[in-house]
Amino acid sequence: MSGHSKWSTIKRKKGATDAKRGKVFTKYIKEITVAARAGGGDPGSNPRLRTAIAGAKSVNMPAENIDRAVKKGTGELPGVSYEEVTYEGYGPGGIAILIEALTDNRNRTTGEIRHILTKSGGRMAEAGSVQWMFHQKGAIAIPKSAADEETVLNVVLDAGAEDASTDDPDVYEITTPPQAFEAVKAALQAKNVPVQSAELAKVPQTTITLSERDAEQALKLMEALEDNDDVQRVSSNLDITDEVLSRIQA
């Protein structure tokens, strides 16, 4: 799966449960607030805010929640000030893990992340020891039921995408350079091609295929990290075959 995040694919296949919807809303509210604080409350001139709002809408967040988060970011409403923090670590089987968080208490979040990693057979890593393994890319998923392959490939490649994978049975997985991310999304919208998800993600340069035992432990670790209220996204270079994943989920 060249150029794509295996962890993102696994998460999509596992699906989001209603029980976790509240946590997903919280993460988007934080991201919208920070994006509006950094670049202003107009999504038309703030790409980070535009992407965050699109993500929030994709999980059916009410419009009033989105509007309130924007106003907290711009200062029109009182709100918490969040700090952006990136943690690096290693997990079962030696996988590299990059953890991006938004927190109002760095000491608390650092302690929680360290505890989660240690409990699951992982450990914190020094700054810079993991981050170099990842490149920031635009990651876009398009349902295969929404458009034929030729249409999708022509649109995204003409708009500046660098990779388009058809390996997944359910979606086309598109990878773009960060600077072409908005252009590819706009091109798809112009052709009325619906997007299932779109985000700027940290994609590993290479992946590590894990044994079933390590894979199961790694999945539990990744899920525990993402369940933390301060963690916005988790990136890893883990790889799990579909056969092993189906046995773990059985």
Protein backbone atom coordinates (compact mmCIF):
# COMPACT_ATOMS: atom_id res chain seq x y z
CA MET A 1 0.00 0.00 0.00
CA SER A 2 2.50 2.57 -1.19
CA GLY A 3 2.13 6.03 0.27
CA HIS A 4 -0.77 5.27 2.58
CA SER A 5 -1.22 4.93 6.31
CA LYS A 6 -2.04 1.34 7.20
CA TRP A 7 -3.26 2.46 10.60
CA SER A 8 -5.82 4.79 8.97
CA THR A 9 -7.03 1.90 6.85
CA ILE A 10 -7.34 -0.39 9.87
CA LYS A 11 -9.29 2.25 11.80
CA ARG A 12 -11.70 2.71 8.89
CA LYS A 13 -12.28 -1.04 8.62
CA LYS A 14 -12.85 -1.38 12.35
CA GLY A 15 -15.35 1.47 12.20
CA ALA A 16 -16.34 4.04 14.80
CA THR A 17 -18.81 3.06 17.49
CA ASP A 18 -21.51 5.37 18.83
CA ALA A 19 -19.90 5.09 22.26
CA LYS A 20 -16.84 6.90 20.91
CA ARG A 21 -18.75 9.63 19.08
CA GLY A 22 -18.49 11.98 22.06
CA LYS A 23 -14.71 11.61 22.06
CA VAL A 24 -14.57 12.26 18.32
CA PHE A 25 -16.65 15.43 18.78
CA THR A 26 -14.28 16.59 21.54
CA LYS A 27 -11.25 16.12 19.30
CA TYR A 28 -12.83 18.10 16.45
CA ILE A 29 -13.93 20.89 18.81
CA LYS A 30 -10.32 21.25 20.01
CA GLU A 31 -8.95 21.20 16.46
CA ILE A 32 -11.48 23.77 15.23
CA THR A 33 -10.76 26.04 18.22
CA VAL A 34 -6.99 25.90 17.72
CA ALA A 35 -7.29 26.33 13.94
CA ALA A 36 -9.51 29.40 14.36
CA ARG A 37 -7.17 30.86 16.97
CA ALA A 38 -4.14 30.37 14.70
CA GLY A 39 -5.58 31.44 11.36
CA GLY A 40 -8.86 33.26 11.95
CA GLY A 41 -12.49 32.19 11.89
CA ASP A 42 -13.09 32.30 8.12
CA PRO A 43 -12.70 28.80 6.65
CA GLY A 44 -12.42 30.33 3.20
CA SER A 45 -9.01 31.79 4.07
CA ASN A 46 -7.98 29.25 6.71
CA PRO A 47 -7.27 25.82 5.18
CA ARG A 48 -6.67 24.14 8.55
CA LEU A 49 -10.02 25.36 9.83
CA ARG A 50 -11.73 24.36 6.59
CA THR A 51 -10.38 20.81 6.89
CA ALA A 52 -11.35 20.58 10.57
CA ILE A 53 -14.91 21.73 9.86
CA ALA A 54 -15.23 19.27 6.98
CA GLY A 55 -14.08 16.48 9.29
CA ALA A 56 -16.57 17.54 11.97
CA LYS A 57 -19.40 17.54 9.45
CA SER A 58 -18.38 14.07 8.25
CA VAL A 59 -19.14 12.69 11.72
CA ASN A 60 -22.43 14.62 11.87
CA MET A 61 -21.38 17.18 14.46
CA PRO A 62 -24.21 19.73 14.92
CA ALA A 63 -23.62 23.08 13.23
CA GLU A 64 -24.05 24.95 16.51
CA ASN A 65 -21.18 22.97 18.06
CA ILE A 66 -18.93 23.89 15.14
CA ASP A 67 -19.92 27.56 15.31
CA ARG A 68 -19.31 27.68 19.06
CA ALA A 69 -15.85 26.12 18.66
CA VAL A 70 -14.91 28.68 16.01
CA LYS A 71 -16.03 31.55 18.24
CA LYS A 72 -14.02 30.16 21.15
CA GLY A 73 -10.98 30.13 18.90
CA THR A 74 -11.47 33.70 17.70
CA GLY A 75 -12.19 34.95 21.22
CA GLU A 76 -15.86 35.81 20.63
CA LEU A 77 -16.69 33.28 23.35
CA PRO A 78 -14.59 32.33 26.39
CA GLY A 79 -12.70 29.08 26.04
CA VAL A 80 -9.71 27.00 27.08
CA SER A 81 -6.28 27.69 25.59
CA TYR A 82 -4.78 24.51 24.13
CA GLU A 83 -1.11 23.77 23.47
CA GLU A 84 -0.02 21.60 20.54
CA VAL A 85 2.34 18.82 21.64
CA THR A 86 3.89 15.92 19.70
CA TYR A 87 5.12 12.78 21.47
CA GLU A 88 7.29 10.06 19.97
CA GLY A 89 7.47 6.45 21.06
CA TYR A 90 7.92 2.79 20.23
CA GLY A 91 5.42 -0.03 20.56
CA PRO A 92 5.23 -3.83 20.33
CA GLY A 93 7.43 -5.32 17.63
CA GLY A 94 9.48 -2.11 17.48
CA ILE A 95 6.86 -0.05 15.64
CA ALA A 96 7.34 3.72 15.62
CA ILE A 97 4.50 5.84 16.97
CA LEU A 98 3.88 9.56 16.53
CA ILE A 99 1.27 11.07 18.85
CA GLU A 100 -0.18 14.55 18.25
CA ALA A 101 -2.07 16.13 21.13
CA LEU A 102 -3.86 19.32 22.11
CA THR A 103 -3.75 19.90 25.84
CA ASP A 104 -4.41 22.50 28.51
CA ASN A 105 -2.00 20.71 30.86
CA ARG A 106 1.18 19.35 29.31
CA ASN A 107 2.36 17.59 32.50
CA ARG A 108 -0.89 15.67 32.82
CA THR A 109 -0.93 14.63 29.18
CA THR A 110 2.73 13.58 29.19
CA GLY A 111 2.15 11.36 32.22
CA GLU A 112 -0.93 9.77 30.67
CA ILE A 113 0.81 9.06 27.36
CA ARG A 114 3.83 7.55 29.10
CA HIS A 115 1.55 5.33 31.21
CA ILE A 116 -0.39 4.08 28.17
CA LEU A 117 2.80 3.25 26.27
CA THR A 118 4.46 1.47 29.20
CA LYS A 119 1.35 -0.51 30.09
CA SER A 120 1.17 -1.89 26.56
CA GLY A 121 4.81 -2.84 26.16
CA GLY A 122 5.92 0.41 24.56
CA ARG A 123 8.05 3.33 25.66
CA MET A 124 8.53 7.03 25.11
CA ALA A 125 11.27 8.05 22.69
CA GLU A 126 13.50 11.10 22.56
CA ALA A 127 12.40 14.02 20.39
CA GLY A 128 13.42 13.47 16.78
CA SER A 129 14.02 9.73 17.04
CA VAL A 130 10.71 8.82 15.37
CA GLN A 131 9.42 11.91 13.60
CA TRP A 132 11.93 11.66 10.74
CA MET A 133 10.30 8.39 9.64
CA PHE A 134 7.09 10.19 8.66
CA HIS A 135 6.16 12.65 5.93
CA GLN A 136 3.10 14.90 6.05
CA LYS A 137 0.70 14.07 3.23
CA GLY A 138 -2.87 14.72 2.26
CA ALA A 139 -4.88 11.50 2.69
CA ILE A 140 -8.24 11.26 0.94
CA ALA A 141 -10.59 8.27 0.85
CA ILE A 142 -13.28 8.03 -1.82
CA PRO A 143 -15.97 5.30 -1.76
CA LYS A 144 -15.59 3.00 -4.76
CA SER A 145 -19.36 2.91 -5.05
CA ALA A 146 -19.40 6.65 -5.74
CA ALA A 147 -17.40 6.79 -8.96
CA ASP A 148 -15.58 4.62 -11.47
CA GLU A 149 -11.85 4.16 -11.22
CA GLU A 150 -10.95 6.00 -14.42
CA THR A 151 -12.89 9.10 -13.39
CA VAL A 152 -11.34 9.24 -9.95
CA LEU A 153 -7.78 8.66 -11.13
CA ASN A 154 -8.04 11.24 -13.91
CA VAL A 155 -9.45 13.90 -11.58
CA VAL A 156 -7.02 13.47 -8.70
CA LEU A 157 -3.85 12.98 -10.74
CA ASP A 158 -4.62 16.01 -12.92
CA ALA A 159 -5.16 18.05 -9.73
CA GLY A 160 -1.76 17.14 -8.30
CA ALA A 161 -2.16 13.88 -6.36
CA GLU A 162 1.02 11.81 -6.18
CA ASP A 163 -0.49 8.38 -5.56
CA ALA A 164 -3.87 6.71 -6.00
CA SER A 165 -4.29 3.22 -4.60
CA THR A 166 -7.13 0.90 -5.56
CA ASP A 167 -5.98 -1.97 -3.30
CA ASP A 168 -8.69 -1.44 -0.67
CA PRO A 169 -11.92 -3.18 -1.70
CA ASP A 170 -14.12 -0.33 -0.44
CA VAL A 171 -12.33 2.94 -1.16
CA TYR A 172 -9.83 4.64 -3.43
CA GLU A 173 -6.97 5.92 -1.25
CA ILE A 174 -5.47 9.12 -2.56
CA THR A 175 -2.19 10.63 -1.36
CA THR A 176 -1.24 14.22 -2.13
CA PRO A 177 1.63 16.56 -1.29
CA PRO A 178 0.40 18.96 1.44
CA GLN A 179 0.36 21.86 -1.00
CA ALA A 180 -1.96 19.98 -3.42
CA PHE A 181 -4.41 18.74 -0.76
CA GLU A 182 -6.96 21.55 -1.17
CA ALA A 183 -6.71 21.50 -4.97
CA VAL A 184 -7.44 17.76 -5.13
CA LYS A 185 -10.44 18.11 -2.81
CA ALA A 186 -11.75 21.03 -4.89
CA ALA A 187 -11.34 19.04 -8.12
CA LEU A 188 -13.33 16.14 -6.68
CA GLN A 189 -16.04 18.50 -5.48
CA ALA A 190 -16.24 20.10 -8.94
CA LYS A 191 -16.88 16.65 -10.44
CA ASN A 192 -19.45 15.81 -7.71
CA VAL A 193 -17.29 12.94 -6.43
CA PRO A 194 -18.06 12.47 -2.72
CA VAL A 195 -15.18 12.18 -0.24
CA GLN A 196 -15.47 9.78 2.68
CA SER A 197 -12.59 11.32 4.61
CA ALA A 198 -9.84 13.86 4.02
CA GLU A 199 -7.04 14.84 6.36
CA LEU A 200 -3.45 15.94 6.51
CA ALA A 201 -1.75 12.87 7.95
CA LYS A 202 1.72 11.69 8.88
CA VAL A 203 2.49 8.81 6.53
CA PRO A 204 5.39 6.43 7.26
CA GLN A 205 8.14 6.05 4.69
CA THR A 206 8.26 2.30 5.37
CA THR A 207 6.17 -0.10 7.45
CA ILE A 208 6.84 -3.04 9.77
CA THR A 209 4.74 -6.19 9.44
CA LEU A 210 3.91 -7.59 12.86
CA SER A 211 3.23 -11.10 14.06
CA GLU A 212 -0.29 -11.85 15.23
CA ARG A 213 0.68 -11.55 18.90
CA ASP A 214 2.46 -8.22 18.46
CA ALA A 215 -0.25 -6.97 16.12
CA GLU A 216 -2.99 -7.59 18.66
CA GLN A 217 -1.03 -5.80 21.39
CA ALA A 218 -0.17 -2.93 19.02
CA LEU A 219 -3.82 -2.43 18.08
CA LYS A 220 -4.81 -2.25 21.74
CA LEU A 221 -2.06 0.31 22.32
CA MET A 222 -3.08 2.48 19.37
CA GLU A 223 -6.72 2.40 20.41
CA ALA A 224 -5.83 3.28 24.02
CA LEU A 225 -3.82 6.27 22.78
CA GLU A 226 -6.64 7.49 20.56
CA ASP A 227 -9.13 7.09 23.41
CA ASN A 228 -7.17 9.66 25.41
CA ASP A 229 -9.08 12.95 25.39
CA ASP A 230 -5.99 15.03 24.62
CA VAL A 231 -4.73 12.93 21.70
CA GLN A 232 -5.82 14.24 18.31
CA ARG A 233 -4.21 11.68 16.03
CA VAL A 234 -1.85 8.73 16.16
CA SER A 235 0.46 7.72 13.32
CA SER A 236 2.48 4.52 13.12
CA ASN A 237 4.51 2.45 10.71
CA LEU A 238 2.80 -0.78 11.73
CA ASP A 239 1.50 -3.13 9.06
CA ILE A 240 -0.96 -5.95 9.66
CA THR A 241 -2.07 -8.36 6.96
CA ASP A 242 -5.82 -8.62 6.35
CA GLU A 243 -5.61 -12.28 7.37
CA VAL A 244 -4.10 -11.46 10.76
CA LEU A 245 -6.51 -8.56 11.26
CA SER A 246 -9.52 -10.78 10.60
CA ARG A 247 -8.27 -13.34 13.15
CA ILE A 248 -7.73 -10.65 15.77
CA GLN A 249 -11.21 -9.26 15.23
CA ALA A 250 -12.89 -12.69 15.18
